[in-house]
Amino acid sequence: MSNIAEQRQRLQSLLVKLNNLGPIPDDIDQFTINANNIRKNDYLVQYNQIQSEIIDTYGLYVEFLEDNTTSLLKLHGKMLDIIKVQTAR
């Protein structure tokens, strides 16, 4: 599994990529209706692909955070047990 910094960097990169697509293209008079529809379809395909990558990356990011939170809570519990043993002496 990749680390959290890599996932955060990937998310930032994907969000920039999504923003760089700009708004959905408006119809342009010199193109036919079909040409405009093809342009919009190409745009939407790219947009959906990037959104899917973002969702997948957020899933990995959340999984990483959950795993680390669980590990930290276990470590915290062990440290409390050690403190209890030491104070009981």
PDB file of N, CA and C in Angstrom:
ATOM      1  N   MET A   1       0.854  -1.187   0.000  1.00  0.00           N
ATOM      2  CA  MET A   1       0.000   0.000   0.000  1.00  0.00           C
ATOM      3  C   MET A   1       0.891   1.239   0.000  1.00  0.00           C
ATOM      4  N   SER A   2       0.535   2.208  -0.755  1.00  0.00           N
ATOM      5  CA  SER A   2       1.333   3.426  -0.818  1.00  0.00           C
ATOM      6  C   SER A   2       1.050   4.284   0.413  1.00  0.00           C
ATOM      7  N   ASN A   3       1.934   5.204   0.673  1.00  0.00           N
ATOM      8  CA  ASN A   3       1.761   5.999   1.885  1.00  0.00           C
ATOM      9  C   ASN A   3       0.792   7.157   1.671  1.00  0.00           C
ATOM     10  N   ILE A   4       0.457   7.789   2.756  1.00  0.00           N
ATOM     11  CA  ILE A   4      -0.566   8.836   2.727  1.00  0.00           C
ATOM     12  C   ILE A   4      -0.131  10.042   1.897  1.00  0.00           C
ATOM     13  N   ALA A   5       1.158  10.361   1.926  1.00  0.00           N
ATOM     14  CA  ALA A   5       1.646  11.504   1.144  1.00  0.00           C
ATOM     15  C   ALA A   5       1.462  11.260  -0.353  1.00  0.00           C
ATOM     16  N   GLU A   6       1.698  10.024  -0.795  1.00  0.00           N
ATOM     17  CA  GLU A   6       1.503   9.690  -2.212  1.00  0.00           C
ATOM     18  C   GLU A   6       0.036   9.809  -2.595  1.00  0.00           C
ATOM     19  N   GLN A   7      -0.859   9.349  -1.724  1.00  0.00           N
ATOM     20  CA  GLN A   7      -2.296   9.428  -2.012  1.00  0.00           C
ATOM     21  C   GLN A   7      -2.758  10.879  -2.048  1.00  0.00           C
ATOM     22  N   ARG A   8      -2.266  11.682  -1.098  1.00  0.00           N
ATOM     23  CA  ARG A   8      -2.630  13.098  -1.074  1.00  0.00           C
ATOM     24  C   ARG A   8      -2.134  13.789  -2.345  1.00  0.00           C
ATOM     25  N   GLN A   9      -0.900  13.479  -2.771  1.00  0.00           N
ATOM     26  CA  GLN A   9      -0.337  14.062  -3.997  1.00  0.00           C
ATOM     27  C   GLN A   9      -1.158  13.643  -5.214  1.00  0.00           C
ATOM     28  N   ARG A  10      -1.565  12.364  -5.256  1.00  0.00           N
ATOM     29  CA  ARG A  10      -2.377  11.873  -6.380  1.00  0.00           C
ATOM     30  C   ARG A  10      -3.718  12.605  -6.422  1.00  0.00           C
ATOM     31  N   LEU A  11      -4.333  12.782  -5.251  1.00  0.00           N
ATOM     32  CA  LEU A  11      -5.609  13.507  -5.198  1.00  0.00           C
ATOM     33  C   LEU A  11      -5.450  14.939  -5.695  1.00  0.00           C
ATOM     34  N   GLN A  12      -4.394  15.610  -5.240  1.00  0.00           N
ATOM     35  CA  GLN A  12      -4.165  16.980  -5.683  1.00  0.00           C
ATOM     36  C   GLN A  12      -3.957  17.036  -7.192  1.00  0.00           C
ATOM     37  N   SER A  13      -3.202  16.097  -7.717  1.00  0.00           N
ATOM     38  CA  SER A  13      -2.935  16.047  -9.155  1.00  0.00           C
ATOM     39  C   SER A  13      -4.220  15.816  -9.944  1.00  0.00           C
ATOM     40  N   LEU A  14      -5.060  14.902  -9.461  1.00  0.00           N
ATOM     41  CA  LEU A  14      -6.319  14.615 -10.150  1.00  0.00           C
ATOM     42  C   LEU A  14      -7.271  15.808 -10.093  1.00  0.00           C
ATOM     43  N   LEU A  15      -7.308  16.491  -8.962  1.00  0.00           N
ATOM     44  CA  LEU A  15      -8.184  17.660  -8.850  1.00  0.00           C
ATOM     45  C   LEU A  15      -7.728  18.775  -9.780  1.00  0.00           C
ATOM     46  N   VAL A  16      -6.417  18.961  -9.918  1.00  0.00           N
ATOM     47  CA  VAL A  16      -5.891  19.950 -10.863  1.00  0.00           C
ATOM     48  C   VAL A  16      -6.269  19.553 -12.280  1.00  0.00           C
ATOM     49  N   LYS A  17      -6.119  18.266 -12.589  1.00  0.00           N
ATOM     50  CA  LYS A  17      -6.458  17.749 -13.919  1.00  0.00           C
ATOM     51  C   LYS A  17      -7.939  18.007 -14.223  1.00  0.00           C
ATOM     52  N   LEU A  18      -8.792  17.764 -13.233  1.00  0.00           N
ATOM     53  CA  LEU A  18     -10.229  17.980 -13.402  1.00  0.00           C
ATOM     54  C   LEU A  18     -10.525  19.465 -13.621  1.00  0.00           C
ATOM     55  N   ASN A  19      -9.890  20.321 -12.832  1.00  0.00           N
ATOM     56  CA  ASN A  19     -10.095  21.767 -12.991  1.00  0.00           C
ATOM     57  C   ASN A  19      -9.588  22.263 -14.334  1.00  0.00           C
ATOM     58  N   ASN A  20      -8.512  21.658 -14.840  1.00  0.00           N
ATOM     59  CA  ASN A  20      -7.946  22.076 -16.121  1.00  0.00           C
ATOM     60  C   ASN A  20      -8.863  21.756 -17.302  1.00  0.00           C
ATOM     61  N   LEU A  21      -9.798  20.827 -17.108  1.00  0.00           N
ATOM     62  CA  LEU A  21     -10.759  20.543 -18.179  1.00  0.00           C
ATOM     63  C   LEU A  21     -11.648  21.757 -18.440  1.00  0.00           C
ATOM     64  N   GLY A  22     -11.834  22.570 -17.413  1.00  0.00           N
ATOM     65  CA  GLY A  22     -12.678  23.748 -17.567  1.00  0.00           C
ATOM     66  C   GLY A  22     -14.149  23.369 -17.566  1.00  0.00           C
ATOM     67  N   PRO A  23     -14.992  24.336 -17.878  1.00  0.00           N
ATOM     68  CA  PRO A  23     -16.436  24.071 -17.890  1.00  0.00           C
ATOM     69  C   PRO A  23     -16.833  23.217 -19.093  1.00  0.00           C
ATOM     70  N   ILE A  24     -18.022  22.654 -19.007  1.00  0.00           N
ATOM     71  CA  ILE A  24     -18.549  21.884 -20.136  1.00  0.00           C
ATOM     72  C   ILE A  24     -18.636  22.816 -21.339  1.00  0.00           C
ATOM     73  N   PRO A  25     -18.115  22.386 -22.481  1.00  0.00           N
ATOM     74  CA  PRO A  25     -18.123  23.269 -23.662  1.00  0.00           C
ATOM     75  C   PRO A  25     -19.543  23.654 -24.079  1.00  0.00           C
ATOM     76  N   ASP A  26     -19.711  24.910 -24.428  1.00  0.00           N
ATOM     77  CA  ASP A  26     -20.988  25.381 -24.969  1.00  0.00           C
ATOM     78  C   ASP A  26     -21.028  25.054 -26.458  1.00  0.00           C
ATOM     79  N   ASP A  27     -22.231  25.095 -27.005  1.00  0.00           N
ATOM     80  CA  ASP A  27     -22.348  24.892 -28.448  1.00  0.00           C
ATOM     81  C   ASP A  27     -21.630  26.025 -29.173  1.00  0.00           C
ATOM     82  N   ILE A  28     -20.965  25.703 -30.244  1.00  0.00           N
ATOM     83  CA  ILE A  28     -20.284  26.701 -31.068  1.00  0.00           C
ATOM     84  C   ILE A  28     -21.008  26.724 -32.407  1.00  0.00           C
ATOM     85  N   ASP A  29     -21.395  27.918 -32.846  1.00  0.00           N
ATOM     86  CA  ASP A  29     -22.239  28.062 -34.026  1.00  0.00           C
ATOM     87  C   ASP A  29     -21.672  27.405 -35.277  1.00  0.00           C
ATOM     88  N   GLN A  30     -20.350  27.489 -35.500  1.00  0.00           N
ATOM     89  CA  GLN A  30     -19.802  26.969 -36.749  1.00  0.00           C
ATOM     90  C   GLN A  30     -19.751  25.435 -36.791  1.00  0.00           C
ATOM     91  N   PHE A  31     -19.963  24.786 -35.676  1.00  0.00           N
ATOM     92  CA  PHE A  31     -19.973  23.325 -35.683  1.00  0.00           C
ATOM     93  C   PHE A  31     -21.402  22.820 -35.831  1.00  0.00           C
ATOM     94  N   THR A  32     -21.526  21.652 -36.359  1.00  0.00           N
ATOM     95  CA  THR A  32     -22.863  21.056 -36.442  1.00  0.00           C
ATOM     96  C   THR A  32     -23.254  20.545 -35.065  1.00  0.00           C
ATOM     97  N   ILE A  33     -24.510  20.228 -34.938  1.00  0.00           N
ATOM     98  CA  ILE A  33     -25.002  19.692 -33.663  1.00  0.00           C
ATOM     99  C   ILE A  33     -24.250  18.418 -33.301  1.00  0.00           C
ATOM    100  N   ASN A  34     -23.986  17.566 -34.280  1.00  0.00           N
ATOM    101  CA  ASN A  34     -23.260  16.323 -34.011  1.00  0.00           C
ATOM    102  C   ASN A  34     -21.848  16.583 -33.511  1.00  0.00           C
ATOM    103  N   ALA A  35     -21.168  17.542 -34.112  1.00  0.00           N
ATOM    104  CA  ALA A  35     -19.803  17.864 -33.677  1.00  0.00           C
ATOM    105  C   ALA A  35     -19.805  18.366 -32.235  1.00  0.00           C
ATOM    106  N   ASN A  36     -20.786  19.182 -31.903  1.00  0.00           N
ATOM    107  CA  ASN A  36     -20.891  19.678 -30.527  1.00  0.00           C
ATOM    108  C   ASN A  36     -21.176  18.540 -29.556  1.00  0.00           C
ATOM    109  N   ASN A  37     -22.042  17.631 -29.962  1.00  0.00           N
ATOM    110  CA  ASN A  37     -22.346  16.488 -29.102  1.00  0.00           C
ATOM    111  C   ASN A  37     -21.126  15.601 -28.900  1.00  0.00           C
ATOM    112  N   ILE A  38     -20.324  15.422 -29.940  1.00  0.00           N
ATOM    113  CA  ILE A  38     -19.097  14.625 -29.821  1.00  0.00           C
ATOM    114  C   ILE A  38     -18.131  15.306 -28.858  1.00  0.00           C
ATOM    115  N   ARG A  39     -17.985  16.612 -28.991  1.00  0.00           N
ATOM    116  CA  ARG A  39     -17.104  17.361 -28.081  1.00  0.00           C
ATOM    117  C   ARG A  39     -17.568  17.227 -26.638  1.00  0.00           C
ATOM    118  N   LYS A  40     -18.852  17.390 -26.431  1.00  0.00           N
ATOM    119  CA  LYS A  40     -19.388  17.270 -25.074  1.00  0.00           C
ATOM    120  C   LYS A  40     -19.202  15.855 -24.546  1.00  0.00           C
ATOM    121  N   ASN A  41     -19.422  14.862 -25.403  1.00  0.00           N
ATOM    122  CA  ASN A  41     -19.253  13.479 -24.986  1.00  0.00           C
ATOM    123  C   ASN A  41     -17.797  13.200 -24.608  1.00  0.00           C
ATOM    124  N   ASP A  42     -16.852  13.669 -25.425  1.00  0.00           N
ATOM    125  CA  ASP A  42     -15.428  13.490 -25.114  1.00  0.00           C
ATOM    126  C   ASP A  42     -15.085  14.140 -23.777  1.00  0.00           C
ATOM    127  N   TYR A  43     -15.604  15.323 -23.576  1.00  0.00           N
ATOM    128  CA  TYR A  43     -15.375  16.037 -22.318  1.00  0.00           C
ATOM    129  C   TYR A  43     -15.927  15.227 -21.144  1.00  0.00           C
ATOM    130  N   LEU A  44     -17.166  14.769 -21.280  1.00  0.00           N
ATOM    131  CA  LEU A  44     -17.802  14.031 -20.189  1.00  0.00           C
ATOM    132  C   LEU A  44     -17.092  12.711 -19.907  1.00  0.00           C
ATOM    133  N   VAL A  45     -16.577  12.052 -20.939  1.00  0.00           N
ATOM    134  CA  VAL A  45     -15.816  10.814 -20.741  1.00  0.00           C
ATOM    135  C   VAL A  45     -14.565  11.110 -19.912  1.00  0.00           C
ATOM    136  N   GLN A  46     -13.826  12.149 -20.286  1.00  0.00           N
ATOM    137  CA  GLN A  46     -12.623  12.523 -19.533  1.00  0.00           C
ATOM    138  C   GLN A  46     -12.981  12.914 -18.101  1.00  0.00           C
ATOM    139  N   TYR A  47     -14.024  13.700 -17.962  1.00  0.00           N
ATOM    140  CA  TYR A  47     -14.458  14.169 -16.649  1.00  0.00           C
ATOM    141  C   TYR A  47     -14.820  12.983 -15.751  1.00  0.00           C
ATOM    142  N   ASN A  48     -15.587  12.046 -16.281  1.00  0.00           N
ATOM    143  CA  ASN A  48     -15.997  10.874 -15.506  1.00  0.00           C
ATOM    144  C   ASN A  48     -14.817   9.981 -15.148  1.00  0.00           C
ATOM    145  N   GLN A  49     -13.852   9.839 -16.063  1.00  0.00           N
ATOM    146  CA  GLN A  49     -12.667   9.034 -15.769  1.00  0.00           C
ATOM    147  C   GLN A  49     -11.879   9.640 -14.613  1.00  0.00           C
ATOM    148  N   ILE A  50     -11.699  10.948 -14.651  1.00  0.00           N
ATOM    149  CA  ILE A  50     -10.953  11.612 -13.581  1.00  0.00           C
ATOM    150  C   ILE A  50     -11.718  11.510 -12.262  1.00  0.00           C
ATOM    151  N   GLN A  51     -13.025  11.702 -12.308  1.00  0.00           N
ATOM    152  CA  GLN A  51     -13.824  11.577 -11.086  1.00  0.00           C
ATOM    153  C   GLN A  51     -13.730  10.165 -10.514  1.00  0.00           C
ATOM    154  N   SER A  52     -13.739   9.158 -11.366  1.00  0.00           N
ATOM    155  CA  SER A  52     -13.604   7.777 -10.900  1.00  0.00           C
ATOM    156  C   SER A  52     -12.252   7.561 -10.227  1.00  0.00           C
ATOM    157  N   GLU A  53     -11.192   8.125 -10.811  1.00  0.00           N
ATOM    158  CA  GLU A  53      -9.862   8.014 -10.205  1.00  0.00           C
ATOM    159  C   GLU A  53      -9.829   8.713  -8.850  1.00  0.00           C
ATOM    160  N   ILE A  54     -10.485   9.862  -8.761  1.00  0.00           N
ATOM    161  CA  ILE A  54     -10.533  10.593  -7.492  1.00  0.00           C
ATOM    162  C   ILE A  54     -11.245   9.754  -6.433  1.00  0.00           C
ATOM    163  N   ILE A  55     -12.363   9.161  -6.789  1.00  0.00           N
ATOM    164  CA  ILE A  55     -13.112   8.332  -5.844  1.00  0.00           C
ATOM    165  C   ILE A  55     -12.266   7.146  -5.394  1.00  0.00           C
ATOM    166  N   ASP A  56     -11.587   6.483  -6.334  1.00  0.00           N
ATOM    167  CA  ASP A  56     -10.718   5.357  -5.985  1.00  0.00           C
ATOM    168  C   ASP A  56      -9.595   5.794  -5.054  1.00  0.00           C
ATOM    169  N   THR A  57      -8.999   6.943  -5.353  1.00  0.00           N
ATOM    170  CA  THR A  57      -7.891   7.439  -4.538  1.00  0.00           C
ATOM    171  C   THR A  57      -8.372   7.820  -3.145  1.00  0.00           C
ATOM    172  N   TYR A  58      -9.545   8.451  -3.054  1.00  0.00           N
ATOM    173  CA  TYR A  58     -10.100   8.757  -1.736  1.00  0.00           C
ATOM    174  C   TYR A  58     -10.341   7.468  -0.952  1.00  0.00           C
ATOM    175  N   GLY A  59     -10.786   6.421  -1.625  1.00  0.00           N
ATOM    176  CA  GLY A  59     -10.981   5.133  -0.960  1.00  0.00           C
ATOM    177  C   GLY A  59      -9.685   4.612  -0.364  1.00  0.00           C
ATOM    178  N   LEU A  60      -8.598   4.664  -1.137  1.00  0.00           N
ATOM    179  CA  LEU A  60      -7.291   4.228  -0.642  1.00  0.00           C
ATOM    180  C   LEU A  60      -6.818   5.121   0.502  1.00  0.00           C
ATOM    181  N   TYR A  61      -7.059   6.404   0.368  1.00  0.00           N
ATOM    182  CA  TYR A  61      -6.654   7.382   1.377  1.00  0.00           C
ATOM    183  C   TYR A  61      -7.373   7.104   2.700  1.00  0.00           C
ATOM    184  N   VAL A  62      -8.676   6.889   2.623  1.00  0.00           N
ATOM    185  CA  VAL A  62      -9.469   6.603   3.820  1.00  0.00           C
ATOM    186  C   VAL A  62      -9.034   5.278   4.434  1.00  0.00           C
ATOM    187  N   GLU A  63      -8.788   4.273   3.602  1.00  0.00           N
ATOM    188  CA  GLU A  63      -8.327   2.972   4.097  1.00  0.00           C
ATOM    189  C   GLU A  63      -7.008   3.133   4.857  1.00  0.00           C
ATOM    190  N   PHE A  64      -6.098   3.905   4.296  1.00  0.00           N
ATOM    191  CA  PHE A  64      -4.815   4.156   4.948  1.00  0.00           C
ATOM    192  C   PHE A  64      -5.030   4.846   6.297  1.00  0.00           C
ATOM    193  N   LEU A  65      -5.896   5.861   6.319  1.00  0.00           N
ATOM    194  CA  LEU A  65      -6.173   6.578   7.569  1.00  0.00           C
ATOM    195  C   LEU A  65      -6.808   5.659   8.611  1.00  0.00           C
ATOM    196  N   GLU A  66      -7.740   4.809   8.189  1.00  0.00           N
ATOM    197  CA  GLU A  66      -8.384   3.879   9.116  1.00  0.00           C
ATOM    198  C   GLU A  66      -7.375   2.895   9.687  1.00  0.00           C
ATOM    199  N   ASP A  67      -6.514   2.345   8.837  1.00  0.00           N
ATOM    200  CA  ASP A  67      -5.492   1.400   9.298  1.00  0.00           C
ATOM    201  C   ASP A  67      -4.568   2.055  10.315  1.00  0.00           C
ATOM    202  N   ASN A  68      -4.132   3.264  10.012  1.00  0.00           N
ATOM    203  CA  ASN A  68      -3.215   3.949  10.922  1.00  0.00           C
ATOM    204  C   ASN A  68      -3.897   4.377  12.211  1.00  0.00           C
ATOM    205  N   THR A  69      -5.149   4.773  12.128  1.00  0.00           N
ATOM    206  CA  THR A  69      -5.885   5.137  13.332  1.00  0.00           C
ATOM    207  C   THR A  69      -6.043   3.920  14.235  1.00  0.00           C
ATOM    208  N   THR A  70      -6.365   2.781  13.656  1.00  0.00           N
ATOM    209  CA  THR A  70      -6.494   1.544  14.421  1.00  0.00           C
ATOM    210  C   THR A  70      -5.172   1.194  15.090  1.00  0.00           C
ATOM    211  N   SER A  71      -4.082   1.306  14.345  1.00  0.00           N
ATOM    212  CA  SER A  71      -2.757   1.010  14.903  1.00  0.00           C
ATOM    213  C   SER A  71      -2.425   1.953  16.052  1.00  0.00           C
ATOM    214  N   LEU A  72      -2.738   3.232  15.869  1.00  0.00           N
ATOM    215  CA  LEU A  72      -2.460   4.204  16.926  1.00  0.00           C
ATOM    216  C   LEU A  72      -3.297   3.935  18.175  1.00  0.00           C
ATOM    217  N   LEU A  73      -4.543   3.549  17.996  1.00  0.00           N
ATOM    218  CA  LEU A  73      -5.392   3.251  19.148  1.00  0.00           C
ATOM    219  C   LEU A  73      -4.893   2.016  19.896  1.00  0.00           C
ATOM    220  N   LYS A  74      -4.437   1.009  19.157  1.00  0.00           N
ATOM    221  CA  LYS A  74      -3.870  -0.180  19.800  1.00  0.00           C
ATOM    222  C   LYS A  74      -2.616   0.187  20.576  1.00  0.00           C
ATOM    223  N   LEU A  75      -1.763   0.993  19.966  1.00  0.00           N
ATOM    224  CA  LEU A  75      -0.532   1.437  20.621  1.00  0.00           C
ATOM    225  C   LEU A  75      -0.858   2.253  21.863  1.00  0.00           C
ATOM    226  N   HIS A  76      -1.854   3.109  21.759  1.00  0.00           N
ATOM    227  CA  HIS A  76      -2.280   3.924  22.898  1.00  0.00           C
ATOM    228  C   HIS A  76      -2.739   3.023  24.049  1.00  0.00           C
ATOM    229  N   GLY A  77      -3.511   1.998  23.733  1.00  0.00           N
ATOM    230  CA  GLY A  77      -3.982   1.055  24.750  1.00  0.00           C
ATOM    231  C   GLY A  77      -2.828   0.335  25.428  1.00  0.00           C
ATOM    232  N   LYS A  78      -1.849  -0.090  24.644  1.00  0.00           N
ATOM    233  CA  LYS A  78      -0.679  -0.770  25.211  1.00  0.00           C
ATOM    234  C   LYS A  78       0.108   0.173  26.111  1.00  0.00           C
ATOM    235  N   MET A  79       0.231   1.427  25.686  1.00  0.00           N
ATOM    236  CA  MET A  79       0.963   2.402  26.506  1.00  0.00           C
ATOM    237  C   MET A  79       0.239   2.651  27.827  1.00  0.00           C
ATOM    238  N   LEU A  80      -1.086   2.698  27.796  1.00  0.00           N
ATOM    239  CA  LEU A  80      -1.848   2.870  29.034  1.00  0.00           C
ATOM    240  C   LEU A  80      -1.648   1.682  29.961  1.00  0.00           C
ATOM    241  N   ASP A  81      -1.618   0.473  29.393  1.00  0.00           N
ATOM    242  CA  ASP A  81      -1.370  -0.727  30.198  1.00  0.00           C
ATOM    243  C   ASP A  81       0.003  -0.663  30.854  1.00  0.00           C
ATOM    244  N   ILE A  82       1.000  -0.219  30.115  1.00  0.00           N
ATOM    245  CA  ILE A  82       2.359  -0.105  30.657  1.00  0.00           C
ATOM    246  C   ILE A  82       2.389   0.915  31.792  1.00  0.00           C
ATOM    247  N   ILE A  83       1.710   2.031  31.601  1.00  0.00           N
ATOM    248  CA  ILE A  83       1.667   3.064  32.641  1.00  0.00           C
ATOM    249  C   ILE A  83       0.982   2.530  33.892  1.00  0.00           C
ATOM    250  N   LYS A  84      -0.105   1.780  33.721  1.00  0.00           N
ATOM    251  CA  LYS A  84      -0.813   1.201  34.868  1.00  0.00           C
ATOM    252  C   LYS A  84       0.096   0.250  35.632  1.00  0.00           C
ATOM    253  N   VAL A  85       0.847  -0.569  34.913  1.00  0.00           N
ATOM    254  CA  VAL A  85       1.753  -1.524  35.556  1.00  0.00           C
ATOM    255  C   VAL A  85       2.843  -0.777  36.311  1.00  0.00           C
ATOM    256  N   GLN A  86       3.380   0.256  35.693  1.00  0.00           N
ATOM    257  CA  GLN A  86       4.465   1.007  36.333  1.00  0.00           C
ATOM    258  C   GLN A  86       3.985   1.784  37.556  1.00  0.00           C
ATOM    259  N   THR A  87       2.783   2.324  37.492  1.00  0.00           N
ATOM    260  CA  THR A  87       2.275   3.072  38.650  1.00  0.00           C
ATOM    261  C   THR A  87       1.849   2.141  39.777  1.00  0.00           C
ATOM    262  N   ALA A  88       1.550   0.899  39.459  1.00  0.00           N
ATOM    263  CA  ALA A  88       1.152  -0.077  40.475  1.00  0.00           C
ATOM    264  C   ALA A  88       2.350  -0.545  41.294  1.00  0.00           C
ATOM    265  N   ARG A  89       3.535  -0.351  40.785  1.00  0.00           N
ATOM    266  CA  ARG A  89       4.737  -0.819  41.500  1.00  0.00           C
ATOM    267  C   ARG A  89       5.030  -0.001  42.702  1.00  0.00           C
TER     268      ARG A  89
END
